[in-house]
């Protein structure tokens, strides 16, 4: 027999609904955000994502409840012009995709090149070390009495916090502040270590811990700048794919202001 969609049979027969798998839901979410069809990276990207996450709810009779009409995404004329130059049905090899993203970028600044991935694992954590700088500077702090005082005052002016196991008791007192921000040192991602100075050097050299979004198997990660050499961007992209080998369902690239370009994952 052919494959069957998941069906929620806990409801009456006349209101049975199809339940999407995490992978299908993630594909839908990514396409709503724009990356799936090559539309990530417009200047209003953040607003678009928020709008797409609000979905209409229908009653068991199929009627749409009263409420504000769904706001339709509006794209700038410049974006529409650039997007018309892209074949959205085509999937490109990494080199061609990077070249195309750089050419389609229409920002007046040195934009970031970002990879958008749908994975088959909704709770994935993986480390990647990029061979070239991504142009993003992480602010790394090493736990000390001075840093603890700053944390106690409510200040977390850093992107990564490193600590030795011996110093952790002083940090656990502030777990409620550090934990939700993902700043609590952890041996799994290398932030809890006997040699924080060496770990800081590794982070400066381009090592990054990847983690899927909380509600979907999606990862968005910057791999470099549009001003970088294409070969360097491709090598960073390939390092990312090696770190996520066997996990990638779908991949696209975009610049800070450009349409997204579908990329072959070369699994």
Protein backbone atom coordinates (compact mmCIF):
# COMPACT_ATOMS: atom_id res chain seq x y z
CA UNK A 1 0.00 0.00 0.00
CA UNK A 2 1.12 3.58 -0.53
CA UNK A 3 2.39 5.82 2.22
CA UNK A 4 -0.24 7.35 4.51
CA UNK A 5 -0.37 10.77 6.09
CA UNK A 6 -0.59 10.92 9.89
CA UNK A 7 -4.21 11.27 10.94
CA UNK A 8 -5.52 12.40 14.32
CA UNK A 9 -8.30 9.88 15.07
CA UNK A 10 -9.08 11.25 18.51
CA UNK A 11 -11.75 13.51 17.00
CA UNK A 12 -15.19 12.53 15.63
CA UNK A 13 -15.19 11.04 12.14
CA UNK A 14 -16.70 14.16 10.60
CA UNK A 15 -13.88 16.36 11.88
CA UNK A 16 -10.77 14.19 11.45
CA UNK A 17 -7.76 16.32 10.56
CA UNK A 18 -4.44 15.52 8.94
CA UNK A 19 -1.44 15.93 11.24
CA UNK A 20 1.82 16.97 9.60
CA UNK A 21 5.12 15.39 10.58
CA UNK A 22 7.79 17.74 12.05
CA UNK A 23 9.65 17.73 8.73
CA UNK A 24 6.52 18.64 6.74
CA UNK A 25 5.62 21.35 9.23
CA UNK A 26 9.13 22.77 9.05
CA UNK A 27 9.03 22.84 5.24
CA UNK A 28 5.74 24.72 5.41
CA UNK A 29 7.14 27.15 7.97
CA UNK A 30 10.29 27.80 5.96
CA UNK A 31 8.28 28.37 2.79
CA UNK A 32 6.02 30.78 4.66
CA UNK A 33 9.11 32.64 5.84
CA UNK A 34 10.24 32.82 2.24
CA UNK A 35 13.41 30.70 2.21
CA UNK A 36 11.65 27.70 0.71
CA UNK A 37 10.71 29.53 -2.47
CA UNK A 38 13.62 31.93 -2.50
CA UNK A 39 12.23 34.93 -0.71
CA UNK A 40 14.27 35.23 2.48
CA UNK A 41 16.38 38.28 3.12
CA UNK A 42 14.21 41.26 2.22
CA UNK A 43 14.61 44.27 4.46
CA UNK A 44 11.28 43.52 6.17
CA UNK A 45 12.22 39.89 6.82
CA UNK A 46 11.63 40.03 10.56
CA UNK A 47 8.17 41.51 10.19
CA UNK A 48 7.30 38.95 7.54
CA UNK A 49 8.27 36.07 9.79
CA UNK A 50 6.05 37.36 12.57
CA UNK A 51 3.11 37.77 10.23
CA UNK A 52 3.47 34.30 8.76
CA UNK A 53 3.52 32.61 12.15
CA UNK A 54 -0.07 33.76 12.86
CA UNK A 55 -2.35 31.25 11.14
CA UNK A 56 -6.11 31.26 10.81
CA UNK A 57 -8.03 28.79 12.95
CA UNK A 58 -11.19 27.19 11.61
CA UNK A 59 -13.99 25.59 13.56
CA UNK A 60 -15.05 21.96 13.12
CA UNK A 61 -17.67 23.14 10.63
CA UNK A 62 -14.94 24.72 8.51
CA UNK A 63 -16.04 28.31 9.16
CA UNK A 64 -13.37 30.96 9.69
CA UNK A 65 -13.83 32.83 12.99
CA UNK A 66 -14.34 36.58 12.91
CA UNK A 67 -11.24 38.68 13.26
CA UNK A 68 -8.79 40.91 11.45
CA UNK A 69 -8.01 39.80 7.88
CA UNK A 70 -4.60 38.22 7.40
CA UNK A 71 -2.06 40.83 6.38
CA UNK A 72 -0.61 40.10 2.97
CA UNK A 73 3.15 40.36 2.53
CA UNK A 74 4.25 43.48 0.67
CA UNK A 75 7.59 43.48 -1.16
CA UNK A 76 9.45 46.53 -2.44
CA UNK A 77 9.66 47.27 -6.15
CA UNK A 78 13.42 46.74 -6.03
CA UNK A 79 12.96 43.32 -4.45
CA UNK A 80 10.39 42.34 -7.07
CA UNK A 81 12.75 43.43 -9.85
CA UNK A 82 15.65 41.42 -8.44
CA UNK A 83 13.45 38.40 -7.81
CA UNK A 84 12.28 38.40 -11.42
CA UNK A 85 15.87 37.56 -12.41
CA UNK A 86 15.76 34.31 -10.40
CA UNK A 87 14.44 30.97 -11.60
CA UNK A 88 12.67 29.84 -8.42
CA UNK A 89 12.12 26.33 -9.76
CA UNK A 90 15.85 25.68 -10.12
CA UNK A 91 18.28 24.22 -7.59
CA UNK A 92 21.88 25.40 -7.87
CA UNK A 93 25.20 23.84 -6.92
CA UNK A 94 26.94 25.64 -4.00
CA UNK A 95 29.32 27.71 -6.15
CA UNK A 96 26.61 28.88 -8.56
CA UNK A 97 24.24 29.60 -5.64
CA UNK A 98 26.79 31.79 -3.85
CA UNK A 99 27.62 33.66 -7.06
CA UNK A 100 23.92 34.26 -7.69
CA UNK A 101 23.21 35.47 -4.15
CA UNK A 102 26.09 37.94 -4.37
CA UNK A 103 24.81 39.22 -7.71
CA UNK A 104 21.20 39.53 -6.51
CA UNK A 105 22.09 41.34 -3.27
CA UNK A 106 20.83 44.91 -3.52
CA UNK A 107 21.78 46.33 -0.11
CA UNK A 108 23.87 49.48 0.10
CA UNK A 109 26.10 47.82 2.70
CA UNK A 110 28.21 44.69 3.01
CA UNK A 111 25.38 42.24 3.63
CA UNK A 112 25.58 38.90 5.38
CA UNK A 113 25.16 35.65 3.46
CA UNK A 114 22.87 33.34 5.45
CA UNK A 115 22.05 29.66 5.07
CA UNK A 116 18.50 28.51 5.87
CA UNK A 117 18.12 24.79 6.52
CA UNK A 118 15.26 22.37 7.16
CA UNK A 119 16.51 19.32 9.07
CA UNK A 120 15.17 15.86 9.86
CA UNK A 121 16.03 16.31 13.55
CA UNK A 122 14.05 18.77 15.67
CA UNK A 123 16.46 18.66 18.63
CA UNK A 124 19.78 18.85 16.87
CA UNK A 125 22.94 20.37 18.31
CA UNK A 126 26.15 20.33 16.30
CA UNK A 127 29.50 22.09 16.24
CA UNK A 128 30.93 23.58 13.07
CA UNK A 129 34.30 25.22 12.52
CA UNK A 130 34.32 27.55 9.55
CA UNK A 131 37.61 27.72 7.64
CA UNK A 132 37.09 31.45 7.01
CA UNK A 133 35.73 34.31 9.08
CA UNK A 134 31.99 34.85 8.77
CA UNK A 135 32.35 38.54 9.49
CA UNK A 136 30.49 38.20 12.78
CA UNK A 137 32.37 38.99 15.97
CA UNK A 138 31.20 37.08 19.04
CA UNK A 139 31.58 38.80 22.37
CA UNK A 140 33.04 36.08 24.62
CA UNK A 141 33.34 36.40 28.41
CA UNK A 142 35.26 34.14 30.79
CA UNK A 143 33.57 33.70 34.16
CA UNK A 144 35.20 35.68 36.95
CA UNK A 145 34.11 37.47 40.11
CA UNK A 146 33.81 40.68 38.11
CA UNK A 147 31.61 39.00 35.48
CA UNK A 148 29.42 37.50 38.22
CA UNK A 149 28.91 40.98 39.69
CA UNK A 150 27.77 42.22 36.28
CA UNK A 151 25.37 39.28 35.95
CA UNK A 152 23.99 39.93 39.45
CA UNK A 153 23.27 43.49 38.32
CA UNK A 154 21.29 42.11 35.38
CA UNK A 155 23.92 42.76 32.71
CA UNK A 156 24.75 40.03 30.18
CA UNK A 157 26.77 42.03 27.69
CA UNK A 158 28.25 38.99 25.93
CA UNK A 159 27.25 36.35 23.39
CA UNK A 160 29.07 33.40 24.99
CA UNK A 161 30.06 32.72 28.59
CA UNK A 162 32.94 30.32 29.32
CA UNK A 163 33.68 28.82 32.72
CA UNK A 164 35.75 26.21 34.52
CA UNK A 165 33.89 23.49 36.46
CA UNK A 166 35.28 24.95 39.71
CA UNK A 167 33.63 28.31 39.07
CA UNK A 168 30.20 26.93 38.18
CA UNK A 169 28.70 27.10 41.73
CA UNK A 170 28.89 30.90 41.52
CA UNK A 171 27.08 30.87 38.17
CA UNK A 172 24.32 28.44 39.08
CA UNK A 173 22.94 31.10 41.44
CA UNK A 174 22.07 33.08 38.33
CA UNK A 175 20.67 30.19 36.28
CA UNK A 176 17.28 31.90 35.92
CA UNK A 177 18.92 34.77 34.08
CA UNK A 178 21.55 32.84 32.10
CA UNK A 179 19.55 29.72 31.23
CA UNK A 180 16.73 31.25 29.14
CA UNK A 181 19.33 33.24 27.16
CA UNK A 182 21.38 30.13 26.40
CA UNK A 183 24.36 31.56 28.28
CA UNK A 184 24.80 28.94 30.98
CA UNK A 185 28.16 27.16 30.40
CA UNK A 186 27.68 23.57 29.26
CA UNK A 187 30.20 20.78 28.56
CA UNK A 188 28.17 19.65 25.53
CA UNK A 189 28.90 22.84 23.60
CA UNK A 190 32.39 23.34 24.99
CA UNK A 191 31.62 26.40 27.11
CA UNK A 192 32.31 24.51 30.36
CA UNK A 193 35.98 23.64 30.11
CA UNK A 194 39.21 23.35 32.06
CA UNK A 195 40.84 25.82 29.65
CA UNK A 196 38.48 28.74 28.92
CA UNK A 197 41.27 30.76 27.27
CA UNK A 198 41.81 28.04 24.64
CA UNK A 199 38.05 27.78 24.10
CA UNK A 200 37.89 31.53 23.55
CA UNK A 201 40.60 31.27 20.89
CA UNK A 202 38.66 28.46 19.17
CA UNK A 203 35.53 30.62 19.07
CA UNK A 204 37.53 33.50 17.63
CA UNK A 205 38.80 31.10 14.95
CA UNK A 206 35.28 30.38 13.76
CA UNK A 207 33.89 27.48 15.82
CA UNK A 208 30.14 27.70 16.30
CA UNK A 209 27.52 25.57 18.06
CA UNK A 210 24.37 25.11 15.98
CA UNK A 211 20.95 24.41 17.44
CA UNK A 212 17.52 24.02 15.87
CA UNK A 213 14.70 26.41 16.68
CA UNK A 214 12.57 25.50 19.68
CA UNK A 215 9.39 24.77 17.73
CA UNK A 216 10.73 23.53 14.37
CA UNK A 217 13.75 21.68 12.91
CA UNK A 218 15.11 24.86 11.31
CA UNK A 219 18.52 26.50 11.46
CA UNK A 220 19.50 29.93 10.13
CA UNK A 221 23.26 30.62 10.18
CA UNK A 222 25.47 33.32 8.68
CA UNK A 223 28.32 31.87 6.60
CA UNK A 224 30.00 35.13 5.58
CA UNK A 225 29.68 38.51 3.86
CA UNK A 226 28.78 39.38 0.28
CA UNK A 227 32.19 41.05 -0.09
CA UNK A 228 34.01 37.76 0.54
CA UNK A 229 35.54 35.68 -2.22
CA UNK A 230 33.05 33.15 -3.60
CA UNK A 231 35.45 30.28 -2.93
CA UNK A 232 35.67 31.21 0.77
CA UNK A 233 31.90 31.36 1.11
CA UNK A 234 31.55 27.98 -0.61
CA UNK A 235 34.13 26.44 1.72
CA UNK A 236 32.25 27.79 4.74
CA UNK A 237 29.00 26.39 3.33
CA UNK A 238 30.57 22.98 2.76
CA UNK A 239 31.92 22.96 6.33
CA UNK A 240 28.35 23.58 7.49
CA UNK A 241 27.00 20.71 5.39
CA UNK A 242 29.70 18.36 6.71
CA UNK A 243 28.70 19.24 10.30
CA UNK A 244 25.06 18.48 9.44
CA UNK A 245 25.69 15.51 7.16
CA UNK A 246 22.65 13.26 6.81
CA UNK A 247 20.39 15.80 8.55
CA UNK A 248 19.57 18.34 5.82
CA UNK A 249 16.24 18.08 4.00
CA UNK A 250 16.30 21.46 2.30
CA UNK A 251 18.78 24.34 1.97
CA UNK A 252 18.66 27.86 0.59
CA UNK A 253 20.97 30.88 0.70
CA UNK A 254 20.17 34.57 0.83
CA UNK A 255 21.91 37.86 1.49
CA UNK A 256 20.69 40.46 3.99
CA UNK A 257 18.66 41.97 1.16
CA UNK A 258 18.08 39.47 -1.63
CA UNK A 259 15.76 36.66 -2.64
CA UNK A 260 16.70 33.19 -1.47
CA UNK A 261 18.38 30.69 -3.78
CA UNK A 262 17.79 26.94 -3.53
CA UNK A 263 20.97 24.92 -3.07
CA UNK A 264 21.74 21.26 -3.75
CA UNK A 265 22.87 19.64 -0.50
CA UNK A 266 25.13 17.06 -2.21
CA UNK A 267 24.19 14.33 0.28
